[in-house]
Amino acid sequence: MNDYMKALHQRFFRKPNLTELEKEIETARQEVRDCLDKVQRRRLMDLVDGQALLREAISLASFTAGFKLAWGITKELEADDLYSSQEETEYICHHIQKED
């Protein structure tokens, strides 16, 4: 299921535009890097790489949790006869046909 969640995440996740924050972080990283020797710079890059991996894992975990929550809500609504995936499919198809 994890591969399926990764595929859905790649398909639907849109990275927010955080250009200014990213520039500030990069500037700070470069300022710190300039004060370090070669070994310390390598360690800093390891830290930056680790943070990037952590952000990716958190993003996927958050997406998966949201998906599971939505799935659970759908199941509860179906159990109470408040939601029908067939009706939803027909509704979507009807609106797509209207657009064409």
PDB file of N, CA and C in Angstrom:
ATOM      1  N   MET A   1       0.820  -1.190   0.000  1.00  0.00           N
ATOM      2  CA  MET A   1       0.000   0.000   0.000  1.00  0.00           C
ATOM      3  C   MET A   1       0.866   1.256   0.000  1.00  0.00           C
ATOM      4  N   ASN A   2       2.052   1.160   0.577  1.00  0.00           N
ATOM      5  CA  ASN A   2       2.926   2.322   0.639  1.00  0.00           C
ATOM      6  C   ASN A   2       3.299   2.815  -0.758  1.00  0.00           C
ATOM      7  N   ASP A   3       3.522   1.880  -1.702  1.00  0.00           N
ATOM      8  CA  ASP A   3       3.835   2.285  -3.074  1.00  0.00           C
ATOM      9  C   ASP A   3       2.654   3.008  -3.705  1.00  0.00           C
ATOM     10  N   TYR A   4       1.448   2.540  -3.411  1.00  0.00           N
ATOM     11  CA  TYR A   4       0.247   3.181  -3.934  1.00  0.00           C
ATOM     12  C   TYR A   4       0.114   4.587  -3.363  1.00  0.00           C
ATOM     13  N   MET A   5       0.372   4.749  -2.072  1.00  0.00           N
ATOM     14  CA  MET A   5       0.294   6.072  -1.448  1.00  0.00           C
ATOM     15  C   MET A   5       1.358   6.996  -2.032  1.00  0.00           C
ATOM     16  N   LYS A   6       2.553   6.466  -2.288  1.00  0.00           N
ATOM     17  CA  LYS A   6       3.600   7.280  -2.907  1.00  0.00           C
ATOM     18  C   LYS A   6       3.177   7.748  -4.291  1.00  0.00           C
ATOM     19  N   ALA A   7       2.562   6.857  -5.057  1.00  0.00           N
ATOM     20  CA  ALA A   7       2.106   7.223  -6.396  1.00  0.00           C
ATOM     21  C   ALA A   7       1.010   8.284  -6.327  1.00  0.00           C
ATOM     22  N   LEU A   8       0.073   8.132  -5.409  1.00  0.00           N
ATOM     23  CA  LEU A   8      -0.981   9.136  -5.243  1.00  0.00           C
ATOM     24  C   LEU A   8      -0.391  10.471  -4.794  1.00  0.00           C
ATOM     25  N   HIS A   9       0.552  10.409  -3.882  1.00  0.00           N
ATOM     26  CA  HIS A   9       1.211  11.616  -3.391  1.00  0.00           C
ATOM     27  C   HIS A   9       1.904  12.344  -4.544  1.00  0.00           C
ATOM     28  N   GLN A  10       2.633  11.609  -5.350  1.00  0.00           N
ATOM     29  CA  GLN A  10       3.318  12.222  -6.492  1.00  0.00           C
ATOM     30  C   GLN A  10       2.328  12.830  -7.467  1.00  0.00           C
ATOM     31  N   ARG A  11       1.185  12.184  -7.625  1.00  0.00           N
ATOM     32  CA  ARG A  11       0.181  12.659  -8.582  1.00  0.00           C
ATOM     33  C   ARG A  11      -0.544  13.906  -8.097  1.00  0.00           C
ATOM     34  N   PHE A  12      -0.876  13.964  -6.805  1.00  0.00           N
ATOM     35  CA  PHE A  12      -1.762  15.014  -6.320  1.00  0.00           C
ATOM     36  C   PHE A  12      -1.113  16.081  -5.444  1.00  0.00           C
ATOM     37  N   PHE A  13       0.047  15.808  -4.873  1.00  0.00           N
ATOM     38  CA  PHE A  13       0.674  16.796  -4.002  1.00  0.00           C
ATOM     39  C   PHE A  13       1.226  17.950  -4.826  1.00  0.00           C
ATOM     40  N   ARG A  14       0.912  19.141  -4.396  1.00  0.00           N
ATOM     41  CA  ARG A  14       1.443  20.342  -5.033  1.00  0.00           C
ATOM     42  C   ARG A  14       2.251  21.097  -3.991  1.00  0.00           C
ATOM     43  N   LYS A  15       3.522  21.251  -4.270  1.00  0.00           N
ATOM     44  CA  LYS A  15       4.410  21.937  -3.344  1.00  0.00           C
ATOM     45  C   LYS A  15       4.002  23.405  -3.259  1.00  0.00           C
ATOM     46  N   PRO A  16       3.834  23.916  -2.040  1.00  0.00           N
ATOM     47  CA  PRO A  16       3.464  25.324  -1.907  1.00  0.00           C
ATOM     48  C   PRO A  16       4.623  26.225  -2.342  1.00  0.00           C
ATOM     49  N   ASN A  17       4.289  27.409  -2.791  1.00  0.00           N
ATOM     50  CA  ASN A  17       5.306  28.365  -3.213  1.00  0.00           C
ATOM     51  C   ASN A  17       5.894  29.053  -1.985  1.00  0.00           C
ATOM     52  N   LEU A  18       7.084  28.655  -1.635  1.00  0.00           N
ATOM     53  CA  LEU A  18       7.777  29.202  -0.466  1.00  0.00           C
ATOM     54  C   LEU A  18       9.117  29.795  -0.876  1.00  0.00           C
ATOM     55  N   THR A  19       9.142  30.465  -2.012  1.00  0.00           N
ATOM     56  CA  THR A  19      10.379  30.969  -2.596  1.00  0.00           C
ATOM     57  C   THR A  19      11.159  31.853  -1.635  1.00  0.00           C
ATOM     58  N   GLU A  20      10.487  32.798  -0.990  1.00  0.00           N
ATOM     59  CA  GLU A  20      11.182  33.714  -0.086  1.00  0.00           C
ATOM     60  C   GLU A  20      11.812  32.972   1.089  1.00  0.00           C
ATOM     61  N   LEU A  21      11.066  32.073   1.695  1.00  0.00           N
ATOM     62  CA  LEU A  21      11.593  31.300   2.816  1.00  0.00           C
ATOM     63  C   LEU A  21      12.768  30.434   2.370  1.00  0.00           C
ATOM     64  N   GLU A  22      12.650  29.813   1.203  1.00  0.00           N
ATOM     65  CA  GLU A  22      13.738  28.984   0.686  1.00  0.00           C
ATOM     66  C   GLU A  22      14.992  29.820   0.442  1.00  0.00           C
ATOM     67  N   LYS A  23      14.828  31.045  -0.067  1.00  0.00           N
ATOM     68  CA  LYS A  23      15.979  31.938  -0.286  1.00  0.00           C
ATOM     69  C   LYS A  23      16.651  32.300   1.030  1.00  0.00           C
ATOM     70  N   GLU A  24      15.839  32.601   2.054  1.00  0.00           N
ATOM     71  CA  GLU A  24      16.390  32.947   3.365  1.00  0.00           C
ATOM     72  C   GLU A  24      17.174  31.776   3.953  1.00  0.00           C
ATOM     73  N   ILE A  25      16.619  30.594   3.835  1.00  0.00           N
ATOM     74  CA  ILE A  25      17.290  29.404   4.361  1.00  0.00           C
ATOM     75  C   ILE A  25      18.598  29.154   3.615  1.00  0.00           C
ATOM     76  N   GLU A  26      18.578  29.280   2.301  1.00  0.00           N
ATOM     77  CA  GLU A  26      19.788  29.060   1.504  1.00  0.00           C
ATOM     78  C   GLU A  26      20.861  30.099   1.835  1.00  0.00           C
ATOM     79  N   THR A  27      20.460  31.334   2.016  1.00  0.00           N
ATOM     80  CA  THR A  27      21.412  32.390   2.385  1.00  0.00           C
ATOM     81  C   THR A  27      22.050  32.092   3.739  1.00  0.00           C
ATOM     82  N   ALA A  28      21.239  31.693   4.701  1.00  0.00           N
ATOM     83  CA  ALA A  28      21.764  31.355   6.027  1.00  0.00           C
ATOM     84  C   ALA A  28      22.703  30.156   5.950  1.00  0.00           C
ATOM     85  N   ARG A  29      22.338  29.160   5.140  1.00  0.00           N
ATOM     86  CA  ARG A  29      23.188  27.972   4.996  1.00  0.00           C
ATOM     87  C   ARG A  29      24.539  28.359   4.409  1.00  0.00           C
ATOM     88  N   GLN A  30      24.530  29.231   3.408  1.00  0.00           N
ATOM     89  CA  GLN A  30      25.790  29.648   2.785  1.00  0.00           C
ATOM     90  C   GLN A  30      26.651  30.448   3.751  1.00  0.00           C
ATOM     91  N   GLU A  31      26.010  31.292   4.558  1.00  0.00           N
ATOM     92  CA  GLU A  31      26.765  32.073   5.545  1.00  0.00           C
ATOM     93  C   GLU A  31      27.426  31.155   6.566  1.00  0.00           C
ATOM     94  N   VAL A  32      26.706  30.144   7.017  1.00  0.00           N
ATOM     95  CA  VAL A  32      27.279  29.183   7.967  1.00  0.00           C
ATOM     96  C   VAL A  32      28.384  28.389   7.291  1.00  0.00           C
ATOM     97  N   ARG A  33      28.135  27.946   6.058  1.00  0.00           N
ATOM     98  CA  ARG A  33      29.121  27.151   5.321  1.00  0.00           C
ATOM     99  C   ARG A  33      30.438  27.901   5.169  1.00  0.00           C
ATOM    100  N   ASP A  34      30.355  29.193   4.906  1.00  0.00           N
ATOM    101  CA  ASP A  34      31.567  29.984   4.692  1.00  0.00           C
ATOM    102  C   ASP A  34      32.447  30.077   5.941  1.00  0.00           C
ATOM    103  N   CYS A  35      31.879  29.807   7.099  1.00  0.00           N
ATOM    104  CA  CYS A  35      32.639  29.868   8.352  1.00  0.00           C
ATOM    105  C   CYS A  35      33.226  28.511   8.742  1.00  0.00           C
ATOM    106  N   LEU A  36      32.996  27.491   7.931  1.00  0.00           N
ATOM    107  CA  LEU A  36      33.384  26.130   8.299  1.00  0.00           C
ATOM    108  C   LEU A  36      34.544  25.624   7.458  1.00  0.00           C
ATOM    109  N   ASP A  37      35.273  24.658   8.021  1.00  0.00           N
ATOM    110  CA  ASP A  37      36.314  23.998   7.239  1.00  0.00           C
ATOM    111  C   ASP A  37      35.670  22.874   6.407  1.00  0.00           C
ATOM    112  N   LYS A  38      36.489  22.166   5.628  1.00  0.00           N
ATOM    113  CA  LYS A  38      35.977  21.163   4.694  1.00  0.00           C
ATOM    114  C   LYS A  38      35.178  20.052   5.391  1.00  0.00           C
ATOM    115  N   VAL A  39      35.687  19.528   6.485  1.00  0.00           N
ATOM    116  CA  VAL A  39      35.015  18.442   7.211  1.00  0.00           C
ATOM    117  C   VAL A  39      33.680  18.942   7.772  1.00  0.00           C
ATOM    118  N   GLN A  40      33.676  20.126   8.323  1.00  0.00           N
ATOM    119  CA  GLN A  40      32.448  20.696   8.879  1.00  0.00           C
ATOM    120  C   GLN A  40      31.423  20.992   7.774  1.00  0.00           C
ATOM    121  N   ARG A  41      31.911  21.416   6.609  1.00  0.00           N
ATOM    122  CA  ARG A  41      31.003  21.654   5.473  1.00  0.00           C
ATOM    123  C   ARG A  41      30.318  20.359   5.049  1.00  0.00           C
ATOM    124  N   ARG A  42      31.086  19.282   5.011  1.00  0.00           N
ATOM    125  CA  ARG A  42      30.509  17.978   4.657  1.00  0.00           C
ATOM    126  C   ARG A  42      29.429  17.589   5.657  1.00  0.00           C
ATOM    127  N   ARG A  43      29.704  17.836   6.931  1.00  0.00           N
ATOM    128  CA  ARG A  43      28.731  17.526   7.980  1.00  0.00           C
ATOM    129  C   ARG A  43      27.468  18.374   7.818  1.00  0.00           C
ATOM    130  N   LEU A  44      27.665  19.642   7.468  1.00  0.00           N
ATOM    131  CA  LEU A  44      26.525  20.529   7.223  1.00  0.00           C
ATOM    132  C   LEU A  44      25.681  20.010   6.055  1.00  0.00           C
ATOM    133  N   MET A  45      26.318  19.559   4.992  1.00  0.00           N
ATOM    134  CA  MET A  45      25.582  19.020   3.845  1.00  0.00           C
ATOM    135  C   MET A  45      24.838  17.746   4.224  1.00  0.00           C
ATOM    136  N   ASP A  46      25.442  16.916   5.069  1.00  0.00           N
ATOM    137  CA  ASP A  46      24.747  15.717   5.559  1.00  0.00           C
ATOM    138  C   ASP A  46      23.490  16.109   6.323  1.00  0.00           C
ATOM    139  N   LEU A  47      23.604  17.159   7.125  1.00  0.00           N
ATOM    140  CA  LEU A  47      22.461  17.647   7.889  1.00  0.00           C
ATOM    141  C   LEU A  47      21.363  18.165   6.962  1.00  0.00           C
ATOM    142  N   VAL A  48      21.734  18.956   5.963  1.00  0.00           N
ATOM    143  CA  VAL A  48      20.768  19.499   5.004  1.00  0.00           C
ATOM    144  C   VAL A  48      20.088  18.366   4.228  1.00  0.00           C
ATOM    145  N   ASP A  49      20.867  17.382   3.792  1.00  0.00           N
ATOM    146  CA  ASP A  49      20.295  16.232   3.073  1.00  0.00           C
ATOM    147  C   ASP A  49      19.334  15.448   3.961  1.00  0.00           C
ATOM    148  N   GLY A  50      19.720  15.257   5.228  1.00  0.00           N
ATOM    149  CA  GLY A  50      18.854  14.544   6.164  1.00  0.00           C
ATOM    150  C   GLY A  50      17.543  15.285   6.390  1.00  0.00           C
ATOM    151  N   GLN A  51      17.599  16.597   6.471  1.00  0.00           N
ATOM    152  CA  GLN A  51      16.383  17.384   6.651  1.00  0.00           C
ATOM    153  C   GLN A  51      15.465  17.267   5.433  1.00  0.00           C
ATOM    154  N   ALA A  52      16.043  17.234   4.242  1.00  0.00           N
ATOM    155  CA  ALA A  52      15.242  17.082   3.026  1.00  0.00           C
ATOM    156  C   ALA A  52      14.526  15.730   3.018  1.00  0.00           C
ATOM    157  N   LEU A  53      15.244  14.671   3.401  1.00  0.00           N
ATOM    158  CA  LEU A  53      14.620  13.349   3.477  1.00  0.00           C
ATOM    159  C   LEU A  53      13.514  13.315   4.521  1.00  0.00           C
ATOM    160  N   LEU A  54      13.750  13.980   5.643  1.00  0.00           N
ATOM    161  CA  LEU A  54      12.746  14.045   6.702  1.00  0.00           C
ATOM    162  C   LEU A  54      11.496  14.774   6.210  1.00  0.00           C
ATOM    163  N   ARG A  55      11.671  15.881   5.502  1.00  0.00           N
ATOM    164  CA  ARG A  55      10.524  16.627   4.963  1.00  0.00           C
ATOM    165  C   ARG A  55       9.720  15.767   4.001  1.00  0.00           C
ATOM    166  N   GLU A  56      10.389  15.019   3.147  1.00  0.00           N
ATOM    167  CA  GLU A  56       9.694  14.143   2.200  1.00  0.00           C
ATOM    168  C   GLU A  56       8.899  13.065   2.939  1.00  0.00           C
ATOM    169  N   ALA A  57       9.493  12.476   3.958  1.00  0.00           N
ATOM    170  CA  ALA A  57       8.814  11.429   4.717  1.00  0.00           C
ATOM    171  C   ALA A  57       7.602  11.996   5.457  1.00  0.00           C
ATOM    172  N   ILE A  58       7.740  13.184   6.030  1.00  0.00           N
ATOM    173  CA  ILE A  58       6.623  13.818   6.733  1.00  0.00           C
ATOM    174  C   ILE A  58       5.511  14.166   5.760  1.00  0.00           C
ATOM    175  N   SER A  59       5.861  14.658   4.596  1.00  0.00           N
ATOM    176  CA  SER A  59       4.860  15.008   3.584  1.00  0.00           C
ATOM    177  C   SER A  59       4.072  13.773   3.167  1.00  0.00           C
ATOM    178  N   LEU A  60       4.762  12.672   2.909  1.00  0.00           N
ATOM    179  CA  LEU A  60       4.089  11.436   2.519  1.00  0.00           C
ATOM    180  C   LEU A  60       3.211  10.909   3.657  1.00  0.00           C
ATOM    181  N   ALA A  61       3.725  10.951   4.889  1.00  0.00           N
ATOM    182  CA  ALA A  61       2.948  10.473   6.038  1.00  0.00           C
ATOM    183  C   ALA A  61       1.694  11.324   6.234  1.00  0.00           C
ATOM    184  N   SER A  62       1.818  12.624   6.058  1.00  0.00           N
ATOM    185  CA  SER A  62       0.671  13.518   6.195  1.00  0.00           C
ATOM    186  C   SER A  62      -0.358  13.251   5.109  1.00  0.00           C
ATOM    187  N   PHE A  63       0.114  13.078   3.879  1.00  0.00           N
ATOM    188  CA  PHE A  63      -0.786  12.773   2.763  1.00  0.00           C
ATOM    189  C   PHE A  63      -1.521  11.458   3.019  1.00  0.00           C
ATOM    190  N   THR A  64      -0.785  10.451   3.463  1.00  0.00           N
ATOM    191  CA  THR A  64      -1.371   9.135   3.737  1.00  0.00           C
ATOM    192  C   THR A  64      -2.411   9.227   4.854  1.00  0.00           C
ATOM    193  N   ALA A  65      -2.097   9.973   5.903  1.00  0.00           N
ATOM    194  CA  ALA A  65      -3.051  10.136   7.005  1.00  0.00           C
ATOM    195  C   ALA A  65      -4.321  10.831   6.520  1.00  0.00           C
ATOM    196  N   GLY A  66      -4.174  11.862   5.700  1.00  0.00           N
ATOM    197  CA  GLY A  66      -5.337  12.553   5.152  1.00  0.00           C
ATOM    198  C   GLY A  66      -6.168  11.646   4.269  1.00  0.00           C
ATOM    199  N   PHE A  67      -5.499  10.836   3.478  1.00  0.00           N
ATOM    200  CA  PHE A  67      -6.196   9.899   2.604  1.00  0.00           C
ATOM    201  C   PHE A  67      -6.978   8.878   3.437  1.00  0.00           C
ATOM    202  N   LYS A  68      -6.333   8.333   4.461  1.00  0.00           N
ATOM    203  CA  LYS A  68      -7.003   7.350   5.322  1.00  0.00           C
ATOM    204  C   LYS A  68      -8.182   7.971   6.049  1.00  0.00           C
ATOM    205  N   LEU A  69      -8.030   9.217   6.477  1.00  0.00           N
ATOM    206  CA  LEU A  69      -9.137   9.910   7.128  1.00  0.00           C
ATOM    207  C   LEU A  69     -10.309  10.069   6.161  1.00  0.00           C
ATOM    208  N   ALA A  70     -10.016  10.520   4.951  1.00  0.00           N
ATOM    209  CA  ALA A  70     -11.079  10.679   3.951  1.00  0.00           C
ATOM    210  C   ALA A  70     -11.734   9.343   3.631  1.00  0.00           C
ATOM    211  N   TRP A  71     -10.925   8.311   3.521  1.00  0.00           N
ATOM    212  CA  TRP A  71     -11.456   6.976   3.236  1.00  0.00           C
ATOM    213  C   TRP A  71     -12.367   6.504   4.370  1.00  0.00           C
ATOM    214  N   GLY A  72     -11.946   6.732   5.610  1.00  0.00           N
ATOM    215  CA  GLY A  72     -12.755   6.344   6.759  1.00  0.00           C
ATOM    216  C   GLY A  72     -14.068   7.109   6.815  1.00  0.00           C
ATOM    217  N   ILE A  73     -14.030   8.396   6.528  1.00  0.00           N
ATOM    218  CA  ILE A  73     -15.257   9.200   6.507  1.00  0.00           C
ATOM    219  C   ILE A  73     -16.202   8.685   5.432  1.00  0.00           C
ATOM    220  N   THR A  74     -15.650   8.368   4.257  1.00  0.00           N
ATOM    221  CA  THR A  74     -16.465   7.834   3.166  1.00  0.00           C
ATOM    222  C   THR A  74     -17.141   6.542   3.587  1.00  0.00           C
ATOM    223  N   LYS A  75     -16.395   5.648   4.229  1.00  0.00           N
ATOM    224  CA  LYS A  75     -16.956   4.366   4.686  1.00  0.00           C
ATOM    225  C   LYS A  75     -18.076   4.587   5.699  1.00  0.00           C
ATOM    226  N   GLU A  76     -17.887   5.535   6.623  1.00  0.00           N
ATOM    227  CA  GLU A  76     -18.931   5.825   7.605  1.00  0.00           C
ATOM    228  C   GLU A  76     -20.184   6.383   6.926  1.00  0.00           C
ATOM    229  N   LEU A  77     -19.983   7.264   5.969  1.00  0.00           N
ATOM    230  CA  LEU A  77     -21.124   7.831   5.247  1.00  0.00           C
ATOM    231  C   LEU A  77     -21.851   6.758   4.444  1.00  0.00           C
ATOM    232  N   GLU A  78     -21.092   5.846   3.838  1.00  0.00           N
ATOM    233  CA  GLU A  78     -21.713   4.747   3.096  1.00  0.00           C
ATOM    234  C   GLU A  78     -22.504   3.841   4.033  1.00  0.00           C
ATOM    235  N   ALA A  79     -21.966   3.596   5.215  1.00  0.00           N
ATOM    236  CA  ALA A  79     -22.649   2.726   6.175  1.00  0.00           C
ATOM    237  C   ALA A  79     -23.975   3.333   6.626  1.00  0.00           C
ATOM    238  N   ASP A  80     -24.041   4.657   6.674  1.00  0.00           N
ATOM    239  CA  ASP A  80     -25.270   5.348   7.069  1.00  0.00           C
ATOM    240  C   ASP A  80     -26.143   5.706   5.866  1.00  0.00           C
ATOM    241  N   ASP A  81     -25.800   5.173   4.691  1.00  0.00           N
ATOM    242  CA  ASP A  81     -26.517   5.463   3.444  1.00  0.00           C
ATOM    243  C   ASP A  81     -26.548   6.954   3.125  1.00  0.00           C
ATOM    244  N   LEU A  82     -25.499   7.664   3.502  1.00  0.00           N
ATOM    245  CA  LEU A  82     -25.414   9.093   3.199  1.00  0.00           C
ATOM    246  C   LEU A  82     -24.529   9.382   1.998  1.00  0.00           C
ATOM    247  N   TYR A  83     -23.848   8.346   1.513  1.00  0.00           N
ATOM    248  CA  TYR A  83     -22.912   8.534   0.410  1.00  0.00           C
ATOM    249  C   TYR A  83     -22.895   7.289  -0.442  1.00  0.00           C
ATOM    250  N   SER A  84     -22.850   7.496  -1.746  1.00  0.00           N
ATOM    251  CA  SER A  84     -22.739   6.381  -2.677  1.00  0.00           C
ATOM    252  C   SER A  84     -21.644   6.700  -3.681  1.00  0.00           C
ATOM    253  N   SER A  85     -20.634   5.839  -3.738  1.00  0.00           N
ATOM    254  CA  SER A  85     -19.557   6.079  -4.702  1.00  0.00           C
ATOM    255  C   SER A  85     -20.092   5.998  -6.126  1.00  0.00           C
ATOM    256  N   GLN A  86     -21.105   5.184  -6.348  1.00  0.00           N
ATOM    257  CA  GLN A  86     -21.717   5.095  -7.679  1.00  0.00           C
ATOM    258  C   GLN A  86     -22.370   6.426  -8.051  1.00  0.00           C
ATOM    259  N   GLU A  87     -23.095   7.020  -7.105  1.00  0.00           N
ATOM    260  CA  GLU A  87     -23.714   8.321  -7.355  1.00  0.00           C
ATOM    261  C   GLU A  87     -22.653   9.388  -7.600  1.00  0.00           C
ATOM    262  N   GLU A  88     -21.566   9.331  -6.843  1.00  0.00           N
ATOM    263  CA  GLU A  88     -20.467  10.284  -7.014  1.00  0.00           C
ATOM    264  C   GLU A  88     -19.861  10.148  -8.407  1.00  0.00           C
ATOM    265  N   THR A  89     -19.630   8.916  -8.843  1.00  0.00           N
ATOM    266  CA  THR A  89     -19.082   8.670 -10.172  1.00  0.00           C
ATOM    267  C   THR A  89     -20.013   9.207 -11.249  1.00  0.00           C
ATOM    268  N   GLU A  90     -21.296   8.950 -11.116  1.00  0.00           N
ATOM    269  CA  GLU A  90     -22.271   9.445 -12.083  1.00  0.00           C
ATOM    270  C   GLU A  90     -22.301  10.972 -12.097  1.00  0.00           C
ATOM    271  N   TYR A  91     -22.210  11.585 -10.922  1.00  0.00           N
ATOM    272  CA  TYR A  91     -22.216  13.041 -10.811  1.00  0.00           C
ATOM    273  C   TYR A  91     -21.006  13.635 -11.532  1.00  0.00           C
ATOM    274  N   ILE A  92     -19.846  13.063 -11.291  1.00  0.00           N
ATOM    275  CA  ILE A  92     -18.616  13.547 -11.922  1.00  0.00           C
ATOM    276  C   ILE A  92     -18.695  13.369 -13.433  1.00  0.00           C
ATOM    277  N   CYS A  93     -19.143  12.203 -13.891  1.00  0.00           N
ATOM    278  CA  CYS A  93     -19.252  11.943 -15.327  1.00  0.00           C
ATOM    279  C   CYS A  93     -20.228  12.918 -15.982  1.00  0.00           C
ATOM    280  N   HIS A  94     -21.322  13.202 -15.304  1.00  0.00           N
ATOM    281  CA  HIS A  94     -22.318  14.134 -15.826  1.00  0.00           C
ATOM    282  C   HIS A  94     -21.697  15.521 -16.021  1.00  0.00           C
ATOM    283  N   HIS A  95     -20.919  15.990 -15.034  1.00  0.00           N
ATOM    284  CA  HIS A  95     -20.308  17.313 -15.140  1.00  0.00           C
ATOM    285  C   HIS A  95     -19.195  17.351 -16.190  1.00  0.00           C
ATOM    286  N   ILE A  96     -18.490  16.261 -16.341  1.00  0.00           N
ATOM    287  CA  ILE A  96     -17.449  16.195 -17.375  1.00  0.00           C
ATOM    288  C   ILE A  96     -18.091  16.263 -18.752  1.00  0.00           C
ATOM    289  N   GLN A  97     -19.198  15.563 -18.923  1.00  0.00           N
ATOM    290  CA  GLN A  97     -19.909  15.582 -20.211  1.00  0.00           C
ATOM    291  C   GLN A  97     -20.443  16.979 -20.515  1.00  0.00           C
ATOM    292  N   LYS A  98     -20.902  17.696 -19.485  1.00  0.00           N
ATOM    293  CA  LYS A  98     -21.402  19.067 -19.675  1.00  0.00           C
ATOM    294  C   LYS A  98     -20.299  19.978 -20.187  1.00  0.00           C
ATOM    295  N   GLU A  99     -19.066  19.788 -19.674  1.00  0.00           N
ATOM    296  CA  GLU A  99     -17.932  20.630 -20.057  1.00  0.00           C
ATOM    297  C   GLU A  99     -17.531  20.389 -21.514  1.00  0.00           C
ATOM    298  N   ASP A 100     -17.735  19.164 -21.997  1.00  0.00           N
ATOM    299  CA  ASP A 100     -17.360  18.845 -23.375  1.00  0.00           C
ATOM    300  C   ASP A 100     -18.411  19.399 -24.299  1.00  0.00           C
TER     301      ASP A 100
END
